[in-house]
């Protein structure tokens, strides 16, 4: 994964985890199953398409990135041209 990130020159979301925010979202999901996946589908359909609706941990992380940066998680995983040639052995 690390080499892939270097080679494909992905942007990385440098967003610290927020345990209170995560706890709140877990509680919302417990009360109303599927609500977080629906929310992610509206905010970032490209990321939601990659995830299973029961992958709550990953859904919460995508929502957390959006909450903290105002940008979708899929924005941060866009592949860009490498900055310099890379030889992997």
C-alpha atoms as a PDB file:
ATOM      1  CA  UNK A   1       0.000   0.000   0.000  1.00  0.00           C
ATOM      2  CA  UNK A   2       2.805   2.425   0.855  1.00  0.00           C
ATOM      3  CA  UNK A   3       4.675   1.750  -2.385  1.00  0.00           C
ATOM      4  CA  UNK A   4       1.427   2.026  -4.300  1.00  0.00           C
ATOM      5  CA  UNK A   5       0.822   5.429  -2.714  1.00  0.00           C
ATOM      6  CA  UNK A   6       4.304   6.613  -3.681  1.00  0.00           C
ATOM      7  CA  UNK A   7       4.171   5.256  -7.200  1.00  0.00           C
ATOM      8  CA  UNK A   8       0.655   6.414  -8.017  1.00  0.00           C
ATOM      9  CA  UNK A   9       1.268   9.700  -6.197  1.00  0.00           C
ATOM     10  CA  UNK A  10      -1.983   9.592  -4.227  1.00  0.00           C
ATOM     11  CA  UNK A  11      -2.961  12.435  -1.981  1.00  0.00           C
ATOM     12  CA  UNK A  12      -3.322  11.274   1.608  1.00  0.00           C
ATOM     13  CA  UNK A  13      -5.954  12.617   3.960  1.00  0.00           C
ATOM     14  CA  UNK A  14      -4.007  13.773   6.986  1.00  0.00           C
ATOM     15  CA  UNK A  15      -7.037  13.830   9.255  1.00  0.00           C
ATOM     16  CA  UNK A  16      -6.706  12.831  12.888  1.00  0.00           C
ATOM     17  CA  UNK A  17      -9.348  10.515  14.254  1.00  0.00           C
ATOM     18  CA  UNK A  18     -12.081  12.013  16.416  1.00  0.00           C
ATOM     19  CA  UNK A  19     -13.299   9.412  18.903  1.00  0.00           C
ATOM     20  CA  UNK A  20     -16.299  11.474  20.019  1.00  0.00           C
ATOM     21  CA  UNK A  21     -17.468  11.935  16.422  1.00  0.00           C
ATOM     22  CA  UNK A  22     -17.022   8.217  15.749  1.00  0.00           C
ATOM     23  CA  UNK A  23     -18.925   7.258  18.887  1.00  0.00           C
ATOM     24  CA  UNK A  24     -21.810   9.529  17.871  1.00  0.00           C
ATOM     25  CA  UNK A  25     -21.961   7.940  14.420  1.00  0.00           C
ATOM     26  CA  UNK A  26     -21.822   4.391  15.834  1.00  0.00           C
ATOM     27  CA  UNK A  27     -24.783   5.280  18.060  1.00  0.00           C
ATOM     28  CA  UNK A  28     -26.712   6.704  15.089  1.00  0.00           C
ATOM     29  CA  UNK A  29     -26.075   3.503  13.140  1.00  0.00           C
ATOM     30  CA  UNK A  30     -27.177   1.357  16.090  1.00  0.00           C
ATOM     31  CA  UNK A  31     -30.493   3.249  16.368  1.00  0.00           C
ATOM     32  CA  UNK A  32     -31.123   3.422  12.608  1.00  0.00           C
ATOM     33  CA  UNK A  33     -29.166   0.716  10.699  1.00  0.00           C
ATOM     34  CA  UNK A  34     -28.093   1.792   7.225  1.00  0.00           C
ATOM     35  CA  UNK A  35     -28.323   5.528   7.890  1.00  0.00           C
ATOM     36  CA  UNK A  36     -24.564   6.107   7.619  1.00  0.00           C
ATOM     37  CA  UNK A  37     -24.321   4.329   4.275  1.00  0.00           C
ATOM     38  CA  UNK A  38     -27.209   6.443   2.979  1.00  0.00           C
ATOM     39  CA  UNK A  39     -25.473   9.602   4.195  1.00  0.00           C
ATOM     40  CA  UNK A  40     -22.191   8.592   2.557  1.00  0.00           C
ATOM     41  CA  UNK A  41     -24.039   7.788  -0.686  1.00  0.00           C
ATOM     42  CA  UNK A  42     -25.318  11.368  -0.778  1.00  0.00           C
ATOM     43  CA  UNK A  43     -21.991  12.964   0.178  1.00  0.00           C
ATOM     44  CA  UNK A  44     -19.551  10.753  -1.727  1.00  0.00           C
ATOM     45  CA  UNK A  45     -21.262   8.277  -4.080  1.00  0.00           C
ATOM     46  CA  UNK A  46     -17.933   7.182  -5.562  1.00  0.00           C
ATOM     47  CA  UNK A  47     -16.617   6.047  -2.166  1.00  0.00           C
ATOM     48  CA  UNK A  48     -19.946   4.509  -1.143  1.00  0.00           C
ATOM     49  CA  UNK A  49     -19.924   2.414  -4.304  1.00  0.00           C
ATOM     50  CA  UNK A  50     -16.635   0.821  -3.197  1.00  0.00           C
ATOM     51  CA  UNK A  51     -17.877  -0.062   0.295  1.00  0.00           C
ATOM     52  CA  UNK A  52     -20.286  -2.683   1.566  1.00  0.00           C
ATOM     53  CA  UNK A  53     -23.189  -1.125   3.516  1.00  0.00           C
ATOM     54  CA  UNK A  54     -22.106  -3.096   6.605  1.00  0.00           C
ATOM     55  CA  UNK A  55     -18.505  -1.787   6.520  1.00  0.00           C
ATOM     56  CA  UNK A  56     -19.357   0.687   9.240  1.00  0.00           C
ATOM     57  CA  UNK A  57     -15.761   1.428  10.254  1.00  0.00           C
ATOM     58  CA  UNK A  58     -14.804   2.479   6.717  1.00  0.00           C
ATOM     59  CA  UNK A  59     -18.035   4.417   6.200  1.00  0.00           C
ATOM     60  CA  UNK A  60     -17.429   6.325   9.428  1.00  0.00           C
ATOM     61  CA  UNK A  61     -13.865   7.140   8.364  1.00  0.00           C
ATOM     62  CA  UNK A  62     -15.093   8.517   5.038  1.00  0.00           C
ATOM     63  CA  UNK A  63     -17.700  10.635   6.855  1.00  0.00           C
ATOM     64  CA  UNK A  64     -15.063  11.780   9.346  1.00  0.00           C
ATOM     65  CA  UNK A  65     -12.755  12.953   6.540  1.00  0.00           C
ATOM     66  CA  UNK A  66     -15.630  14.881   4.974  1.00  0.00           C
ATOM     67  CA  UNK A  67     -16.606  16.409   8.315  1.00  0.00           C
ATOM     68  CA  UNK A  68     -13.054  17.595   9.056  1.00  0.00           C
ATOM     69  CA  UNK A  69     -11.942  18.731   5.582  1.00  0.00           C
ATOM     70  CA  UNK A  70     -15.130  19.467   3.665  1.00  0.00           C
ATOM     71  CA  UNK A  71     -13.754  17.212   0.914  1.00  0.00           C
ATOM     72  CA  UNK A  72     -14.856  13.730  -0.053  1.00  0.00           C
ATOM     73  CA  UNK A  73     -12.559  10.808   0.705  1.00  0.00           C
ATOM     74  CA  UNK A  74     -12.540   9.966  -3.003  1.00  0.00           C
ATOM     75  CA  UNK A  75     -10.870  13.364  -3.596  1.00  0.00           C
ATOM     76  CA  UNK A  76      -7.846  12.191  -1.610  1.00  0.00           C
ATOM     77  CA  UNK A  77      -7.392   8.914  -3.477  1.00  0.00           C
ATOM     78  CA  UNK A  78      -7.179  10.375  -6.940  1.00  0.00           C
ATOM     79  CA  UNK A  79      -4.276   8.972  -8.899  1.00  0.00           C
ATOM     80  CA  UNK A  80      -1.882  11.599 -10.203  1.00  0.00           C
ATOM     81  CA  UNK A  81       1.167  11.315 -12.423  1.00  0.00           C
ATOM     82  CA  UNK A  82       4.325  10.334 -10.516  1.00  0.00           C
ATOM     83  CA  UNK A  83       6.526  13.287  -9.608  1.00  0.00           C
ATOM     84  CA  UNK A  84       9.643  11.436 -10.726  1.00  0.00           C
ATOM     85  CA  UNK A  85      10.444   8.074 -12.321  1.00  0.00           C
ATOM     86  CA  UNK A  86      10.450   5.131  -9.954  1.00  0.00           C
ATOM     87  CA  UNK A  87      12.221   1.794 -10.351  1.00  0.00           C
ATOM     88  CA  UNK A  88      10.854  -0.946  -8.117  1.00  0.00           C
ATOM     89  CA  UNK A  89      12.943  -4.060  -7.677  1.00  0.00           C
END
